[in-house]
Protein backbone atom coordinates (compact mmCIF):
# COMPACT_ATOMS: atom_id res chain seq x y z
CA UNK A 1 165.46 157.13 146.08
CA UNK A 2 165.40 155.66 142.60
CA UNK A 3 168.79 154.45 141.33
CA UNK A 4 169.59 153.47 137.75
CA UNK A 5 171.92 150.48 138.11
CA UNK A 6 173.00 150.57 134.46
CA UNK A 7 174.66 153.92 135.12
CA UNK A 8 176.40 153.18 138.43
CA UNK A 9 179.73 154.43 137.04
CA UNK A 10 178.13 157.80 136.19
CA UNK A 11 176.64 158.31 139.67
CA UNK A 12 177.58 161.73 141.04
CA UNK A 13 175.73 161.89 144.32
CA UNK A 14 172.49 162.98 145.92
CA UNK A 15 170.41 166.10 145.29
CA UNK A 16 168.67 167.43 148.39
CA UNK A 17 165.48 169.36 147.72
CA UNK A 18 163.42 171.53 150.02
CA UNK A 19 160.25 169.78 151.05
CA UNK A 20 160.87 166.77 148.81
CA UNK A 21 162.75 163.50 148.99
CA UNK A 22 166.38 163.47 147.89
CA UNK A 23 167.09 162.13 144.40
CA UNK A 24 170.06 160.55 142.64
CA UNK A 25 172.23 162.57 140.26
CA UNK A 26 174.17 161.15 137.32
CA UNK A 27 176.74 162.61 134.95
CA UNK A 28 174.91 163.04 131.63
CA UNK A 29 178.04 162.74 129.46
CA UNK A 30 179.23 159.62 131.30
CA UNK A 31 175.81 158.04 130.75
CA UNK A 32 175.99 158.76 127.01
CA UNK A 33 179.48 157.26 126.80
CA UNK A 34 178.23 154.18 128.65
CA UNK A 35 175.41 153.79 126.11
CA UNK A 36 177.87 154.15 123.21
CA UNK A 37 180.13 151.49 124.71
CA UNK A 38 177.62 148.93 125.92
CA UNK A 39 175.03 149.20 123.15
CA UNK A 40 177.55 149.68 120.33
CA UNK A 41 175.86 152.84 119.07
CA UNK A 42 177.26 155.96 117.48
CA UNK A 43 177.31 159.06 119.63
CA UNK A 44 174.22 160.47 117.87
CA UNK A 45 172.37 157.15 118.20
CA UNK A 46 173.26 157.04 121.90
CA UNK A 47 171.88 160.56 122.40
CA UNK A 48 168.61 159.52 120.77
CA UNK A 49 168.44 156.25 122.75
CA UNK A 50 169.12 158.05 126.03
CA UNK A 51 166.45 160.67 125.33
CA UNK A 52 163.80 158.03 124.52
CA UNK A 53 164.60 155.36 127.10
CA UNK A 54 165.95 157.39 130.03
CA UNK A 55 165.28 161.13 129.97
CA UNK A 56 161.67 160.93 128.77
CA UNK A 57 160.76 158.23 131.30
CA UNK A 58 159.16 160.03 134.22
CA UNK A 59 158.66 157.99 137.36
CA UNK A 60 157.42 160.92 139.39
CA UNK A 61 159.11 163.16 141.92
CA UNK A 62 161.77 160.53 142.64
CA UNK A 63 163.11 160.50 139.07
CA UNK A 64 166.88 160.89 139.02
CA UNK A 65 168.52 163.90 137.40
CA UNK A 66 171.17 163.78 134.70
CA UNK A 67 173.59 166.66 135.07
CA UNK A 68 175.39 168.03 132.04
CA UNK A 69 178.46 169.69 133.51
CA UNK A 70 179.26 172.97 131.76
CA UNK A 71 181.08 176.19 132.55
CA UNK A 72 179.09 179.42 132.80
CA UNK A 73 180.65 180.50 129.50
CA UNK A 74 179.41 177.33 127.78
CA UNK A 75 175.91 177.84 129.16
CA UNK A 76 175.79 181.43 127.91
CA UNK A 77 177.14 180.35 124.51
CA UNK A 78 174.73 177.42 124.18
CA UNK A 79 171.58 178.85 125.76
CA UNK A 80 172.00 182.61 125.62
CA UNK A 81 172.13 185.08 128.45
């Protein structure tokens, strides 16, 4: 399991997948706040940094997931039904 030490405080737990190894799960919003705080970036800059240096880095099937916690209503509003 691949862990991202920089985001230890945002660690949520483990995702178990059928027929695949388990992977680490992190709170997306907590990761962004960590980037804002530690890298002294604006929120928008942190989003960009996180996308380039974390989300877009694919290390294969063991890549961690970054969960954006939303209500069903927020998902429908933001992504449609």
